[in-house]
Protein backbone atom coordinates (compact mmCIF):
# COMPACT_ATOMS: atom_id res chain seq x y z
CA MET A 1 17.53 -129.38 -12.83
CA LYS A 2 19.92 -126.59 -11.89
CA LYS A 3 19.79 -125.24 -15.44
CA ARG A 4 15.99 -125.35 -15.41
CA LEU A 5 15.87 -123.59 -12.04
CA ALA A 6 18.30 -120.95 -13.30
CA ALA A 7 16.15 -120.39 -16.39
CA ILE A 8 13.02 -120.02 -14.25
CA LEU A 9 14.78 -117.55 -11.97
CA LEU A 10 16.05 -115.61 -15.00
CA CYS A 11 12.53 -115.40 -16.46
CA ALA A 12 11.17 -114.28 -13.11
CA ALA A 13 13.83 -111.61 -12.86
CA MET A 14 13.01 -110.37 -16.37
CA LEU A 15 9.30 -110.21 -15.56
CA LEU A 16 10.04 -108.28 -12.37
CA ALA A 17 12.24 -105.88 -14.33
CA LEU A 18 9.51 -105.33 -16.89
CA ALA A 19 6.97 -104.73 -14.15
CA ALA A 20 9.27 -102.20 -12.54
CA CYS A 21 9.70 -100.38 -15.83
CA GLY A 22 6.00 -100.27 -16.64
CA GLY A 23 3.64 -102.94 -17.85
CA SER A 24 1.98 -101.92 -21.10
CA GLY A 25 4.28 -103.64 -23.59
CA GLU A 26 2.79 -101.41 -26.32
CA SER A 27 4.41 -99.69 -29.28
CA LEU A 28 3.17 -96.16 -29.85
CA THR A 29 3.83 -93.76 -32.71
CA PHE A 30 4.21 -90.14 -31.58
CA GLY A 31 3.36 -87.46 -34.17
CA THR A 32 5.49 -84.37 -33.58
CA GLY A 33 6.06 -81.63 -36.19
CA GLY A 34 8.55 -80.49 -38.80
CA ASP A 35 12.20 -81.31 -38.19
CA SER A 36 13.07 -77.61 -37.69
CA GLY A 37 10.59 -77.10 -34.86
CA THR A 38 10.49 -77.80 -31.12
CA TYR A 39 7.88 -80.57 -31.38
CA TYR A 40 10.24 -82.84 -33.27
CA GLY A 41 13.31 -82.29 -31.09
CA TYR A 42 11.46 -82.53 -27.78
CA GLY A 43 9.20 -85.33 -28.95
CA GLY A 44 12.21 -87.36 -30.02
CA ALA A 45 13.87 -86.87 -26.64
CA LEU A 46 10.72 -87.91 -24.75
CA ALA A 47 10.11 -90.92 -26.99
CA GLY A 48 13.68 -92.12 -26.57
CA TYR A 49 13.65 -91.76 -22.81
CA VAL A 50 10.32 -93.51 -22.32
CA SER A 51 11.38 -96.34 -24.66
CA GLU A 52 14.65 -96.85 -22.82
CA ASN A 53 13.14 -96.82 -19.34
CA THR A 54 9.80 -98.63 -19.69
CA ASP A 55 8.48 -101.45 -21.85
CA THR A 56 6.21 -98.99 -23.65
CA TYR A 57 8.07 -98.32 -26.89
CA VAL A 58 7.50 -94.86 -28.40
CA THR A 59 8.64 -93.81 -31.87
CA ALA A 60 8.64 -90.09 -32.69
CA VAL A 61 7.89 -89.20 -36.32
CA THR A 62 7.83 -85.93 -38.22
CA SER A 63 4.43 -84.53 -39.20
CA ASN A 64 2.70 -81.39 -40.39
CA GLY A 65 1.84 -80.48 -36.81
CA SER A 66 -1.28 -80.08 -34.71
CA GLN A 67 -4.13 -80.60 -37.17
CA THR A 68 -2.42 -83.54 -38.87
CA ASN A 69 -1.64 -85.15 -35.51
CA ILE A 70 -5.28 -84.92 -34.43
CA GLU A 71 -6.50 -86.33 -37.75
CA ASP A 72 -3.91 -89.13 -37.65
CA ILE A 73 -4.91 -90.09 -34.11
CA ALA A 74 -8.55 -90.11 -35.22
CA SER A 75 -7.68 -92.47 -38.09
CA GLY A 76 -5.50 -94.71 -35.93
CA ALA A 77 -2.33 -93.92 -37.85
CA ILE A 78 -0.60 -92.67 -34.68
CA GLN A 79 -1.34 -92.97 -30.98
CA LEU A 80 0.28 -89.88 -29.44
CA GLY A 81 0.71 -86.35 -30.78
CA PHE A 82 1.83 -82.84 -29.97
CA VAL A 83 -0.85 -80.16 -30.48
CA GLN A 84 -1.32 -76.48 -29.88
CA SER A 85 -3.97 -75.98 -27.20
CA ASP A 86 -6.01 -73.73 -29.48
CA VAL A 87 -6.05 -76.27 -32.33
CA MET A 88 -7.04 -78.94 -29.83
CA SER A 89 -9.98 -76.76 -28.82
CA TYR A 90 -10.97 -76.23 -32.46
CA ALA A 91 -11.03 -80.01 -32.95
CA TYR A 92 -13.05 -80.79 -29.86
CA GLY A 93 -15.57 -78.07 -30.67
CA GLY A 94 -15.66 -78.64 -34.44
CA THR A 95 -14.63 -75.09 -35.37
CA ARG A 96 -12.18 -73.40 -37.72
CA LEU A 97 -9.92 -76.20 -38.98
CA PHE A 98 -12.51 -78.89 -38.26
CA GLU A 99 -15.93 -79.13 -39.91
CA SER A 100 -17.28 -81.37 -37.16
CA PRO A 101 -16.14 -82.25 -33.62
CA VAL A 102 -13.29 -84.74 -33.19
CA THR A 103 -13.53 -86.27 -29.73
CA ASN A 104 -11.73 -89.62 -29.85
CA PHE A 105 -8.62 -88.22 -28.17
CA SER A 106 -7.78 -87.01 -24.69
CA VAL A 107 -5.10 -84.99 -22.92
CA VAL A 108 -1.90 -86.53 -21.59
CA ALA A 109 -0.33 -83.30 -20.28
CA ALA A 110 0.44 -79.70 -21.13
CA LEU A 111 4.24 -79.52 -21.33
CA TYR A 112 5.38 -76.00 -22.18
CA MET A 113 4.37 -72.67 -23.69
CA GLU A 114 4.60 -71.96 -27.41
CA GLN A 115 5.27 -68.32 -28.14
CA VAL A 116 3.84 -66.42 -31.08
CA GLN A 117 7.11 -65.19 -32.58
CA ILE A 118 6.93 -62.53 -35.28
CA VAL A 119 10.42 -62.64 -36.75
CA THR A 120 12.02 -60.06 -39.03
CA LEU A 121 15.41 -58.84 -40.18
CA ASN A 122 14.06 -55.31 -40.64
CA PRO A 123 14.58 -53.12 -37.54
CA ASP A 124 11.98 -50.64 -38.84
CA ILE A 125 9.19 -53.19 -38.25
CA LYS A 126 8.55 -52.50 -34.58
CA THR A 127 4.84 -53.24 -34.09
CA VAL A 128 2.20 -55.51 -35.57
CA ALA A 129 0.68 -52.43 -37.20
CA ASP A 130 3.94 -52.03 -39.18
CA LEU A 131 3.18 -55.30 -40.98
CA ALA A 132 0.52 -53.56 -43.09
CA GLY A 133 1.54 -53.74 -46.74
CA LYS A 134 4.46 -56.05 -45.97
CA SER A 135 5.13 -59.56 -47.27
CA VAL A 136 4.52 -61.81 -44.28
CA SER A 137 4.65 -65.58 -43.90
CA ILE A 138 1.61 -66.62 -41.86
CA GLY A 139 2.13 -70.37 -41.81
CA ALA A 140 0.80 -73.06 -44.06
CA SER A 141 -2.72 -72.32 -45.27
CA GLY A 142 -5.23 -73.60 -42.71
CA SER A 143 -2.53 -74.41 -40.14
CA GLY A 144 -2.61 -73.50 -36.47
CA VAL A 145 0.01 -70.82 -37.13
CA TYR A 146 -2.25 -69.35 -39.80
CA PHE A 147 -5.06 -68.83 -37.29
CA ASN A 148 -2.66 -67.47 -34.68
CA ALA A 149 -1.50 -64.93 -37.24
CA LEU A 150 -5.08 -63.94 -38.07
CA ASP A 151 -5.86 -63.57 -34.36
CA VAL A 152 -2.88 -61.30 -33.71
CA LEU A 153 -3.41 -59.24 -36.85
CA GLY A 154 -7.09 -58.92 -35.94
CA ALA A 155 -6.26 -57.55 -32.51
CA TYR A 156 -4.57 -54.66 -34.33
CA GLY A 157 -7.44 -54.14 -36.76
CA LEU A 158 -5.64 -55.87 -39.64
CA THR A 159 -6.81 -58.73 -41.85
CA GLU A 160 -5.08 -61.05 -44.28
CA GLU A 161 -5.95 -58.55 -47.04
CA ASP A 162 -3.92 -55.82 -45.32
CA ILE A 163 -0.65 -57.71 -45.81
CA GLU A 164 0.94 -59.66 -48.64
CA PRO A 165 0.43 -63.15 -47.20
CA VAL A 166 2.84 -65.99 -47.89
CA PHE A 167 2.04 -69.51 -46.71
CA GLN A 168 5.22 -71.23 -45.58
CA ASP A 169 6.48 -73.57 -42.87
CA PHE A 170 9.18 -72.52 -40.39
CA ALA A 171 12.22 -73.62 -42.36
CA THR A 172 10.98 -72.14 -45.64
CA SER A 173 10.07 -68.90 -43.87
CA VAL A 174 13.60 -68.59 -42.52
CA ASP A 175 15.09 -69.23 -45.97
CA SER A 176 12.78 -66.56 -47.41
CA LEU A 177 13.86 -64.07 -44.74
CA LYS A 178 17.52 -64.81 -45.49
CA ASP A 179 16.93 -64.29 -49.22
CA GLY A 180 14.94 -61.09 -48.72
CA LYS A 181 11.81 -62.60 -50.24
CA ILE A 182 9.58 -61.74 -47.26
CA ASP A 183 9.63 -59.02 -44.62
CA ALA A 184 8.49 -61.01 -41.59
CA ALA A 185 7.26 -64.43 -40.52
CA PHE A 186 4.92 -65.78 -37.86
CA ILE A 187 6.51 -68.76 -36.12
CA VAL A 188 4.57 -70.37 -33.28
CA ALA A 189 6.78 -72.72 -31.29
CA GLY A 190 8.66 -72.92 -28.04
CA ALA A 191 11.55 -70.48 -27.95
CA PRO A 192 14.35 -71.02 -28.71
CA THR A 193 13.11 -72.50 -32.00
CA THR A 194 15.67 -74.28 -34.17
CA ALA A 195 14.73 -72.38 -37.34
CA VAL A 196 15.06 -68.99 -35.64
CA VAL A 197 18.31 -69.96 -33.93
CA ASP A 198 19.65 -70.82 -37.38
CA LEU A 199 18.51 -67.45 -38.72
CA ALA A 200 20.09 -65.58 -35.79
CA SER A 201 23.43 -67.35 -36.26
CA GLY A 202 24.26 -65.19 -39.25
CA ASN A 203 21.83 -62.27 -39.05
CA ASP A 204 20.58 -59.56 -36.71
CA VAL A 205 17.15 -60.88 -35.77
CA TYR A 206 14.30 -58.75 -34.41
CA LEU A 207 11.08 -59.90 -32.74
CA VAL A 208 7.94 -57.82 -33.12
CA GLY A 209 6.25 -57.40 -29.75
CA LEU A 210 2.65 -56.81 -28.68
CA ASP A 211 1.61 -54.09 -26.24
CA GLN A 212 -0.52 -54.83 -23.19
CA GLU A 213 -3.67 -53.18 -24.53
CA HIS A 214 -3.75 -55.41 -27.58
CA ILE A 215 -2.74 -58.49 -25.58
CA ASP A 216 -5.71 -57.90 -23.27
CA ALA A 217 -8.05 -57.50 -26.24
CA LEU A 218 -6.76 -60.73 -27.80
CA ILE A 219 -7.11 -62.74 -24.60
CA GLU A 220 -10.65 -61.44 -24.10
CA THR A 221 -11.78 -62.89 -27.44
CA SER A 222 -9.42 -65.92 -27.44
CA PRO A 223 -8.79 -67.01 -23.84
CA TYR A 224 -6.40 -69.83 -24.79
CA TYR A 225 -3.69 -67.15 -25.20
CA SER A 226 -1.63 -65.80 -22.33
CA ALA A 227 0.98 -63.05 -22.09
CA ASN A 228 4.57 -64.22 -22.39
CA THR A 229 8.08 -62.75 -22.67
CA ILE A 230 10.97 -63.93 -24.83
CA ALA A 231 14.20 -62.77 -23.20
CA ALA A 232 16.73 -60.88 -25.31
CA ASP A 233 19.40 -63.53 -24.79
CA VAL A 234 17.29 -66.26 -26.42
CA TYR A 235 18.17 -65.04 -29.94
CA GLY A 236 20.45 -62.09 -29.19
CA THR A 237 17.74 -59.50 -29.89
CA PRO A 238 18.20 -55.89 -28.77
CA GLU A 239 15.59 -56.24 -26.01
CA ASP A 240 13.08 -58.58 -24.44
CA CYS A 241 9.96 -59.20 -26.49
CA THR A 242 6.46 -59.25 -25.01
CA THR A 243 4.12 -61.51 -26.94
CA VAL A 244 1.42 -64.13 -26.38
CA ALA A 245 1.68 -67.88 -26.08
CA ILE A 246 -0.42 -71.02 -26.13
CA ALA A 247 0.16 -74.39 -24.50
CA ALA A 248 1.95 -77.28 -26.20
CA VAL A 249 -0.04 -80.36 -25.24
CA VAL A 250 0.52 -84.08 -25.72
CA ILE A 251 -2.67 -85.97 -26.55
CA ALA A 252 -3.43 -89.66 -26.95
CA GLY A 253 -6.08 -91.67 -28.72
CA ASN A 254 -8.82 -92.82 -26.38
CA ASP A 255 -8.08 -96.43 -27.32
CA VAL A 256 -4.49 -96.26 -26.03
CA SER A 257 -4.25 -98.29 -22.83
CA GLU A 258 -4.20 -96.71 -19.40
CA ASP A 259 -0.89 -98.46 -18.67
CA ALA A 260 0.83 -97.05 -21.76
CA VAL A 261 -0.19 -93.45 -21.08
CA TYR A 262 0.68 -93.86 -17.40
CA ASP A 263 4.12 -95.12 -18.44
CA PHE A 264 4.62 -92.08 -20.66
CA VAL A 265 3.45 -89.33 -18.33
CA SER A 266 4.91 -90.75 -15.12
CA THR A 267 8.30 -91.37 -16.73
CA VAL A 268 8.44 -87.86 -18.16
CA PHE A 269 7.47 -86.05 -14.96
CA GLU A 270 9.44 -88.26 -12.59
CA ASN A 271 12.65 -87.72 -14.57
CA LYS A 272 12.72 -83.97 -15.14
CA GLY A 273 16.34 -83.00 -15.63
CA SER A 274 17.31 -86.26 -17.36
CA LEU A 275 15.22 -86.14 -20.53
CA GLY A 276 17.80 -84.50 -22.77
CA HIS A 277 15.98 -81.38 -23.97
CA ALA A 278 15.94 -77.78 -22.73
CA LYS A 279 12.13 -77.63 -22.67
CA GLU A 280 12.01 -80.11 -19.81
CA ASP A 281 12.83 -77.17 -17.52
CA GLU A 282 9.24 -76.01 -18.06
CA LEU A 283 7.66 -79.25 -16.81
CA ASP A 284 5.27 -78.34 -14.02
CA LEU A 285 2.43 -80.37 -12.53
CA ASP A 286 0.09 -77.40 -12.12
CA PHE A 287 0.60 -76.37 -15.73
CA ALA A 288 0.38 -79.98 -16.94
CA THR A 289 -3.08 -80.31 -15.39
CA SER A 290 -4.40 -76.88 -16.41
CA ILE A 291 -6.42 -77.95 -19.48
CA THR A 292 -10.15 -77.66 -18.82
CA ASP A 293 -11.95 -77.88 -22.18
CA VAL A 294 -10.79 -81.37 -23.22
CA PRO A 295 -10.81 -84.38 -20.84
CA TYR A 296 -7.66 -86.16 -19.70
CA HIS A 297 -6.78 -89.75 -20.56
CA PRO A 298 -7.38 -92.21 -17.67
CA GLY A 299 -3.67 -93.10 -17.63
CA ALA A 300 -2.72 -89.46 -17.14
CA ALA A 301 -5.47 -88.97 -14.55
CA LYS A 302 -4.10 -91.94 -12.58
CA TYR A 303 -0.63 -90.40 -12.38
CA PHE A 304 -1.85 -86.93 -11.48
CA ALA A 305 -4.15 -88.38 -8.80
CA GLU A 306 -1.07 -89.95 -7.21
CA LYS A 307 0.29 -86.39 -7.00
CA GLY A 308 -2.90 -85.16 -5.35
CA ILE A 309 -4.31 -83.44 -8.45
CA GLU A 310 -7.71 -84.32 -9.92
CA VAL A 311 -8.24 -83.69 -13.64
CA PRO A 312 -11.42 -83.96 -15.71
CA THR A 313 -11.92 -87.25 -17.58
CA ALA A 314 -14.53 -88.31 -20.11
């Protein structure tokens, strides 16, 4: 009888512990990005922390980034994903990368800003206009980076035809810069970005900035951009770099349970400072709830409501 009572008490204690940690009991796959980018490193840290501290188990996996993550959520291959806010808008509206609207996902939270970084080893390339006639990596063909590059070039009156375009991911772009195969590369990710840190470890790196006039023109036509500054000490550049940025957003499939998304978002925001990645310093409730063109998941809305913030839901 004593053994039976002890077993019952043990089971009760385990159930209480699980309830305290979060009650979804689900396993979620989290699509991040390439292993040289911020999505992968930060996504892995978040997945590990949520898995260790709730009974929602999250596995971070590498991916080809925003478009792939949206498509994989739509197909059910993954349940969570990192996306650029602009690519998310393309999907929901059925523009650019998407032939028709994709609406079976919703926002979990905006986590940090992703800077448009135009990286070069050539100190004579000082403005976007100087890219004319140069060999420039503008991201994988059809990627979010590709459209960011076209947007920025367009603000300066340039098109893809005005440069020698090369279509490479971050790591390949850095290798090409090191080998002198290209003159510059567009890299859109949270700074510091692993690939650029690697490049700066053995080279004098320069970032090509944007002036305020062209930033204003870009934001007027593409309001998902905002002005942003990359400090000189991030990569050891000669001076601060003024550029534009977009939001890095976590999204979830609409069929993911409210409990699982609540576990994820509440655990992340309630444990800022313990997540194990530098980008957690940018966690901010006002920024997290700033998305307006795509609805939030009910699990995220529940957490933000507890903080006194109402977000749009489907």
